[in-house]
Amino acid sequence: MKQQPDKQIEGQTIEQKWPVQILPLGDAAVLVQFKLADNGNADIYQLVQAFATHIEQHPFPGMIEFVPAFTSVAIYYDPITVKQVVNQRSDSTAYEIVVNKVSGMLAGHISQLESHSRVIEIPVCYGGEYGPDLEEVAKYHQLAPEEVIRIHSQAMYKVYMIGFAPGFPYLGGMSTEIATPRRASPRLQIPAGSVGIGGEQTGVYPIETPGGWQLIGRTPLALFRPKQNPPSYLQAGDTVRFRPITQQEYLEWGGEES
């Protein structure tokens, strides 16, 4: 592949005047990197999700998949298909063709993009056998366990990305009042559905896996559903709110006892 300079679009059509870079990511992918504008006040995450929504609805020939993250969207493509479909007689590489297509999307449509966020309520049984670290979190902040539950369940969280484990949501928006360091010794086995706090983030373990977050509760809701498409119940861009439930309600939802 010929070495290409970074493709940069100053974003004259973008209301917030976002600088955007399109960078090579290996030999079959590009990274669309959104950078904060000088004002620093606009929500870059909303733009990432808006672009991800657009490219999902308008994929170009040869695109395999896309992966949105906090400030970027990675786009994977099949170089052979890209070249065959375009059938250009020039010496343009598949990378150059993809850059041109993505540039056109950004320049022509980004000012009109909208992100459609679902609001999803996740029931959680806090404390006890389902949240063995709730007392420790409360003690760390000199709060009552009920206050930790109140703070955690009253916030509205954004799903920034899915990763680490299948269906695992990285959630933004947790109050710093209950931000707690990870455990000194990670657990080798964490039950599926466990709700935890790790530093200034909260999340839900969708499958049984090792982990070091402080466990404060558990949901009976299955977040990873391998027989469905998509298998992850939560998607980047969703809004999540946790609702406290009793142990009886947890079992009625179909949750398993510890």
Protein backbone atom coordinates (compact mmCIF):
# COMPACT_ATOMS: atom_id res chain seq x y z
CA MET A 1 0.00 0.00 0.00
CA LYS A 2 1.27 3.41 -0.89
CA GLN A 3 2.01 5.61 2.08
CA GLN A 4 -0.72 8.24 2.26
CA PRO A 5 -0.84 11.39 4.31
CA ASP A 6 -3.60 11.69 6.90
CA LYS A 7 -6.87 12.64 5.28
CA GLN A 8 -8.23 15.57 7.24
CA ILE A 9 -11.57 17.29 6.81
CA GLU A 10 -11.95 20.57 8.59
CA GLY A 11 -15.72 20.03 8.73
CA GLN A 12 -17.11 23.22 7.26
CA THR A 13 -20.48 21.46 7.00
CA ILE A 14 -20.38 20.37 10.65
CA GLU A 15 -22.31 22.68 12.90
CA GLN A 16 -19.78 22.47 15.70
CA LYS A 17 -16.78 22.77 13.33
CA TRP A 18 -15.33 19.39 14.27
CA PRO A 19 -11.91 18.40 12.93
CA VAL A 20 -12.07 14.82 11.58
CA GLN A 21 -9.21 12.55 10.55
CA ILE A 22 -9.41 9.39 8.45
CA LEU A 23 -6.42 7.19 9.22
CA PRO A 24 -5.29 3.79 7.90
CA LEU A 25 -5.86 0.93 10.34
CA GLY A 26 -3.89 -1.99 9.01
CA ASP A 27 -4.39 -2.93 5.36
CA ALA A 28 -8.17 -3.48 5.45
CA ALA A 29 -9.63 -0.84 7.75
CA VAL A 30 -9.77 2.89 8.37
CA LEU A 31 -10.23 4.83 11.59
CA VAL A 32 -12.50 7.87 11.52
CA GLN A 33 -11.14 9.93 14.42
CA PHE A 34 -13.22 12.83 15.73
CA LYS A 35 -11.33 15.51 17.64
CA LEU A 36 -12.62 18.10 20.05
CA ALA A 37 -13.16 21.54 18.58
CA ASP A 38 -11.65 24.61 20.18
CA ASN A 39 -14.81 25.37 22.15
CA GLY A 40 -14.58 21.97 23.84
CA ASN A 41 -18.24 22.13 24.88
CA ALA A 42 -19.97 20.03 22.26
CA ASP A 43 -20.58 16.33 22.92
CA ILE A 44 -18.16 14.43 20.69
CA TYR A 45 -19.82 11.17 21.64
CA GLN A 46 -23.09 12.23 20.01
CA LEU A 47 -21.26 12.87 16.74
CA VAL A 48 -19.57 9.46 16.86
CA GLN A 49 -22.93 7.75 17.37
CA ALA A 50 -24.57 9.85 14.67
CA PHE A 51 -21.92 8.84 12.14
CA ALA A 52 -22.16 5.19 13.24
CA THR A 53 -25.92 5.30 12.70
CA HIS A 54 -25.45 6.80 9.25
CA ILE A 55 -22.88 4.28 8.07
CA GLU A 56 -25.02 1.42 9.39
CA GLN A 57 -27.89 2.66 7.25
CA HIS A 58 -25.72 3.48 4.22
CA PRO A 59 -22.90 0.88 4.00
CA PHE A 60 -20.63 1.10 0.96
CA PRO A 61 -19.86 -1.96 -1.21
CA GLY A 62 -17.12 -4.02 0.39
CA MET A 63 -17.70 -2.79 3.95
CA ILE A 64 -17.57 -5.68 6.43
CA GLU A 65 -18.34 -4.04 9.75
CA PHE A 66 -17.83 -0.91 11.83
CA VAL A 67 -16.90 -0.48 15.50
CA PRO A 68 -17.76 2.77 17.31
CA ALA A 69 -15.66 3.76 20.33
CA PHE A 70 -15.44 6.86 22.54
CA THR A 71 -14.10 9.28 19.93
CA SER A 72 -13.75 7.19 16.77
CA VAL A 73 -15.35 4.71 14.40
CA ALA A 74 -13.28 1.88 12.91
CA ILE A 75 -14.50 0.68 9.51
CA TYR A 76 -13.38 -2.72 8.19
CA TYR A 77 -13.61 -3.56 4.50
CA ASP A 78 -12.66 -6.17 1.91
CA PRO A 79 -10.02 -4.53 -0.37
CA ILE A 80 -10.71 -6.93 -3.25
CA THR A 81 -14.47 -6.27 -3.23
CA VAL A 82 -13.90 -2.52 -2.97
CA LYS A 83 -11.67 -2.56 -6.07
CA GLN A 84 -13.95 -4.90 -8.04
CA VAL A 85 -17.13 -2.95 -7.36
CA VAL A 86 -15.62 0.43 -8.10
CA ASN A 87 -13.77 -1.02 -11.12
CA GLN A 88 -11.60 2.05 -11.43
CA ARG A 89 -9.00 2.16 -14.18
CA SER A 90 -6.80 4.46 -12.15
CA ASP A 91 -4.06 3.37 -9.78
CA SER A 92 -6.19 4.19 -6.72
CA THR A 93 -5.78 1.71 -3.89
CA ALA A 94 -8.72 0.23 -2.00
CA TYR A 95 -7.71 2.45 0.93
CA GLU A 96 -7.92 5.58 -1.23
CA ILE A 97 -11.33 4.54 -2.57
CA VAL A 98 -12.66 3.95 0.95
CA VAL A 99 -11.25 7.27 2.17
CA ASN A 100 -13.03 9.06 -0.65
CA LYS A 101 -16.32 7.33 0.15
CA VAL A 102 -16.08 8.08 3.88
CA SER A 103 -15.04 11.66 3.14
CA GLY A 104 -18.14 12.07 1.01
CA MET A 105 -20.33 10.77 3.81
CA LEU A 106 -18.80 13.21 6.26
CA ALA A 107 -18.86 16.23 3.97
CA GLY A 108 -22.31 15.62 2.54
CA HIS A 109 -24.32 14.25 5.42
CA ILE A 110 -22.78 14.82 8.81
CA SER A 111 -24.55 18.11 9.47
CA GLN A 112 -27.86 16.29 9.09
CA LEU A 113 -27.09 13.19 11.12
CA GLU A 114 -29.19 12.28 14.14
CA SER A 115 -28.53 9.70 16.80
CA HIS A 116 -31.58 7.74 17.95
CA SER A 117 -31.01 6.50 21.49
CA ARG A 118 -33.09 3.83 23.19
CA VAL A 119 -33.84 4.24 26.87
CA ILE A 120 -33.51 0.88 28.63
CA GLU A 121 -34.31 0.10 32.25
CA ILE A 122 -32.27 -2.63 33.89
CA PRO A 123 -33.67 -4.17 37.10
CA VAL A 124 -31.02 -4.77 39.78
CA CYS A 125 -31.14 -6.58 43.11
CA TYR A 126 -28.59 -4.67 45.16
CA GLY A 127 -26.48 -5.98 48.04
CA GLY A 128 -26.53 -9.28 49.88
CA GLU A 129 -25.45 -12.35 47.95
CA TYR A 130 -25.97 -10.48 44.68
CA GLY A 131 -23.84 -7.47 45.59
CA PRO A 132 -21.13 -8.68 47.99
CA ASP A 133 -19.09 -5.47 47.73
CA LEU A 134 -21.92 -3.00 48.39
CA GLU A 135 -20.98 -2.66 52.05
CA GLU A 136 -17.33 -2.08 51.14
CA VAL A 137 -18.24 0.63 48.61
CA ALA A 138 -20.46 2.32 51.20
CA LYS A 139 -17.72 2.14 53.82
CA TYR A 140 -15.15 3.58 51.40
CA HIS A 141 -17.32 6.68 50.94
CA GLN A 142 -18.68 6.79 54.51
CA LEU A 143 -22.20 6.35 53.18
CA ALA A 144 -25.06 4.06 54.07
CA PRO A 145 -25.55 1.20 51.56
CA GLU A 146 -29.00 2.61 50.79
CA GLU A 147 -27.40 5.89 49.76
CA VAL A 148 -25.03 4.11 47.37
CA ILE A 149 -28.02 2.36 45.82
CA ARG A 150 -29.91 5.64 45.51
CA ILE A 151 -27.01 7.42 43.81
CA HIS A 152 -26.28 4.53 41.47
CA SER A 153 -29.90 3.97 40.43
CA GLN A 154 -30.86 7.62 39.94
CA ALA A 155 -28.25 8.37 37.27
CA MET A 156 -28.85 8.11 33.53
CA TYR A 157 -26.01 6.26 31.79
CA LYS A 158 -24.81 6.30 28.20
CA VAL A 159 -23.52 3.12 26.56
CA TYR A 160 -20.27 4.35 25.04
CA MET A 161 -19.14 1.04 23.62
CA ILE A 162 -19.46 -2.74 23.89
CA GLY A 163 -16.28 -4.65 24.66
CA PHE A 164 -14.04 -6.59 27.06
CA ALA A 165 -16.52 -9.50 27.04
CA PRO A 166 -19.45 -10.25 24.69
CA GLY A 167 -22.19 -7.73 25.43
CA PHE A 168 -20.26 -5.90 28.16
CA PRO A 169 -21.37 -2.23 28.18
CA TYR A 170 -18.99 0.60 29.06
CA LEU A 171 -21.31 3.09 30.72
CA GLY A 172 -20.65 6.79 31.20
CA GLY A 173 -22.45 9.05 33.63
CA MET A 174 -21.83 7.51 37.05
CA SER A 175 -21.60 9.98 39.92
CA THR A 176 -18.09 10.48 41.30
CA GLU A 177 -19.69 10.27 44.76
CA ILE A 178 -19.54 6.48 44.51
CA ALA A 179 -16.44 6.07 42.31
CA THR A 180 -14.44 3.26 43.94
CA PRO A 181 -11.10 1.63 43.03
CA ARG A 182 -11.13 -1.90 41.67
CA ARG A 183 -10.53 -4.78 44.06
CA ALA A 184 -6.92 -5.48 44.98
CA SER A 185 -7.49 -9.15 44.14
CA PRO A 186 -9.75 -9.83 41.14
CA ARG A 187 -12.29 -12.62 41.39
CA LEU A 188 -11.74 -15.65 39.18
CA GLN A 189 -15.46 -16.14 38.63
CA ILE A 190 -18.13 -13.43 38.49
CA PRO A 191 -21.75 -14.49 37.84
CA ALA A 192 -23.47 -13.24 34.69
CA GLY A 193 -25.60 -10.17 35.36
CA SER A 194 -23.35 -8.80 38.11
CA VAL A 195 -23.37 -5.00 38.31
CA GLY A 196 -20.05 -3.50 39.32
CA ILE A 197 -18.10 -0.31 39.89
CA GLY A 198 -14.55 0.05 38.64
CA GLY A 199 -13.04 3.47 39.30
CA GLU A 200 -15.36 6.09 37.81
CA GLN A 201 -17.23 3.59 35.63
CA THR A 202 -20.05 1.17 36.19
CA GLY A 203 -21.03 -1.79 34.07
CA VAL A 204 -22.73 -5.17 33.90
CA TYR A 205 -20.95 -8.50 33.41
CA PRO A 206 -23.06 -10.18 30.69
CA ILE A 207 -21.38 -13.58 31.01
CA GLU A 208 -19.57 -15.45 33.77
CA THR A 209 -15.99 -14.18 33.68
CA PRO A 210 -13.07 -13.16 35.91
CA GLY A 211 -13.02 -9.51 36.93
CA GLY A 212 -11.89 -6.98 39.48
CA TRP A 213 -14.79 -4.55 39.76
CA GLN A 214 -16.65 -3.96 43.01
CA LEU A 215 -19.91 -5.94 42.78
CA ILE A 216 -22.91 -4.05 44.16
CA GLY A 217 -25.83 -5.96 42.65
CA ARG A 218 -27.08 -8.29 39.95
CA THR A 219 -29.67 -8.14 37.20
CA PRO A 220 -31.78 -11.08 36.02
CA LEU A 221 -31.82 -9.52 32.54
CA ALA A 222 -29.70 -11.36 29.97
CA LEU A 223 -27.45 -8.83 28.24
CA PHE A 224 -25.75 -11.35 25.96
CA ARG A 225 -28.11 -13.39 23.78
CA PRO A 226 -26.04 -15.48 21.36
CA LYS A 227 -29.05 -16.78 19.42
CA GLN A 228 -30.31 -13.30 18.59
CA ASN A 229 -29.06 -10.73 16.09
CA PRO A 230 -27.43 -8.64 17.37
CA PRO A 231 -26.44 -10.84 20.33
CA SER A 232 -25.71 -7.86 22.59
CA TYR A 233 -28.93 -6.55 24.17
CA LEU A 234 -27.38 -3.12 24.72
CA GLN A 235 -25.89 -1.12 21.87
CA ALA A 236 -23.58 1.88 21.77
CA GLY A 237 -25.72 4.99 22.04
CA ASP A 238 -28.37 3.48 24.33
CA THR A 239 -29.37 5.24 27.53
CA VAL A 240 -29.56 3.01 30.62
CA ARG A 241 -31.16 3.44 33.99
CA PHE A 242 -30.96 0.90 36.83
CA ARG A 243 -34.10 0.11 38.84
CA PRO A 244 -33.74 -1.46 42.31
CA ILE A 245 -35.77 -4.66 42.81
CA THR A 246 -36.20 -7.07 45.71
CA GLN A 247 -34.77 -10.58 45.85
CA GLN A 248 -38.27 -11.96 45.26
CA GLU A 249 -38.66 -9.80 42.16
CA TYR A 250 -35.24 -10.93 40.99
CA LEU A 251 -36.29 -14.58 41.22
CA GLU A 252 -39.63 -13.86 39.53
CA TRP A 253 -37.69 -12.32 36.64
CA GLY A 254 -36.00 -15.68 36.25
CA GLY A 255 -32.76 -14.83 38.01
CA GLU A 256 -30.72 -17.60 39.58
CA GLU A 257 -29.86 -17.83 43.24
CA SER A 258 -26.18 -17.61 44.19
